[in-house]
Amino acid sequence: MTILLDPTSERVPAERVRAERLPTLVGQTVGLLDIAKMRGDLFLDQLETRLAGEGAKVIRYKKPTFTKPAPIDLRHEIAEQCDAVVEALAD
């Protein structure tokens, strides 16, 4: 069993259903979202190399600032273009 901890200060954490894994990365488009924190791009550089090696097409995105949620237009763009997304957190 995997336990995921929510780093927010919510008193009652929201229950979320985990998305199903892609059966394969070959031919899939994976978005990498840089939240604009220091060194997050270094993590994503390494991840991009690994994903491409597994046959995934990788598209990079970046939020304008880490202090606010991603703009709605950016979220829609990612949802339309990608089969999966990884958000880089550098804390």
Protein backbone atom coordinates (compact mmCIF):
# COMPACT_ATOMS: atom_id res chain seq x y z
CA MET A 1 0.00 0.00 0.00
CA THR A 2 1.29 3.46 -0.90
CA ILE A 3 0.55 6.43 1.35
CA LEU A 4 0.75 9.87 -0.24
CA LEU A 5 1.07 12.88 2.06
CA ASP A 6 -0.45 16.22 1.13
CA PRO A 7 1.97 19.07 1.93
CA THR A 8 -0.77 21.70 2.12
CA SER A 9 -2.17 22.97 5.38
CA GLU A 10 -5.69 21.71 4.76
CA ARG A 11 -7.30 20.48 7.96
CA VAL A 12 -9.31 17.91 6.03
CA PRO A 13 -7.35 16.70 2.99
CA ALA A 14 -9.31 16.27 -0.22
CA GLU A 15 -9.79 12.69 -1.36
CA ARG A 16 -8.55 12.17 -4.91
CA VAL A 17 -8.63 9.09 -7.07
CA ARG A 18 -5.24 8.30 -8.59
CA ALA A 19 -5.13 8.40 -12.36
CA GLU A 20 -4.49 5.08 -14.07
CA ARG A 21 -0.98 4.51 -15.37
CA LEU A 22 -0.41 4.55 -19.08
CA PRO A 23 0.09 0.97 -20.31
CA THR A 24 3.23 2.09 -22.16
CA LEU A 25 5.17 5.30 -22.75
CA VAL A 26 5.92 4.41 -26.37
CA GLY A 27 4.17 6.94 -28.58
CA GLN A 28 2.60 8.79 -25.63
CA THR A 29 2.97 12.54 -25.12
CA VAL A 30 4.13 13.49 -21.64
CA GLY A 31 4.05 17.11 -20.50
CA LEU A 32 6.65 18.34 -18.04
CA LEU A 33 5.46 21.36 -16.07
CA ASP A 34 8.16 23.51 -14.48
CA ILE A 35 6.55 25.46 -11.63
CA ALA A 36 9.33 28.10 -11.79
CA LYS A 37 11.16 27.15 -8.59
CA MET A 38 14.93 26.97 -8.51
CA ARG A 39 16.43 23.76 -9.89
CA GLY A 40 13.10 22.29 -10.92
CA ASP A 41 14.36 22.52 -14.50
CA LEU A 42 17.35 20.32 -13.61
CA PHE A 43 15.03 17.58 -12.41
CA LEU A 44 12.92 17.92 -15.55
CA ASP A 45 16.00 17.76 -17.80
CA GLN A 46 16.86 14.37 -16.33
CA LEU A 47 13.28 13.18 -16.48
CA GLU A 48 12.95 14.26 -20.11
CA THR A 49 15.99 12.18 -21.03
CA ARG A 50 14.55 9.12 -19.27
CA LEU A 51 11.07 9.51 -20.77
CA ALA A 52 12.44 10.01 -24.29
CA GLY A 53 14.55 6.88 -23.81
CA GLU A 54 11.34 4.98 -23.03
CA GLY A 55 9.77 6.17 -26.31
CA ALA A 56 7.67 9.10 -25.06
CA LYS A 57 7.32 12.42 -26.82
CA VAL A 58 8.03 15.15 -24.26
CA ILE A 59 6.63 18.69 -24.27
CA ARG A 60 7.95 21.21 -21.74
CA TYR A 61 5.79 23.88 -20.08
CA LYS A 62 6.58 26.53 -17.48
CA LYS A 63 4.41 28.51 -15.10
CA PRO A 64 5.09 32.26 -14.96
CA THR A 65 5.57 32.10 -11.17
CA PHE A 66 5.49 29.47 -8.43
CA THR A 67 3.36 31.69 -6.19
CA LYS A 68 0.15 31.20 -8.18
CA PRO A 69 -1.62 28.28 -9.85
CA ALA A 70 -0.92 27.68 -13.52
CA PRO A 71 -3.00 29.97 -15.73
CA ILE A 72 -6.19 28.35 -17.03
CA ASP A 73 -5.03 28.66 -20.65
CA LEU A 74 -1.84 26.76 -19.83
CA ARG A 75 -3.81 24.04 -18.05
CA HIS A 76 -6.10 23.65 -21.06
CA GLU A 77 -3.13 23.53 -23.43
CA ILE A 78 -1.51 20.76 -21.39
CA ALA A 79 -4.77 18.81 -21.17
CA GLU A 80 -5.30 18.99 -24.93
CA GLN A 81 -1.72 18.12 -25.93
CA CYS A 82 -0.66 15.49 -23.40
CA ASP A 83 -1.53 11.96 -22.35
CA ALA A 84 0.18 12.47 -18.98
CA VAL A 85 1.90 15.29 -17.09
CA VAL A 86 4.60 15.57 -14.45
CA GLU A 87 4.80 18.69 -12.30
CA ALA A 88 8.27 19.44 -10.94
CA LEU A 89 8.45 20.47 -7.32
CA ALA A 90 11.86 21.54 -6.04
CA ASP A 91 11.22 21.85 -2.30
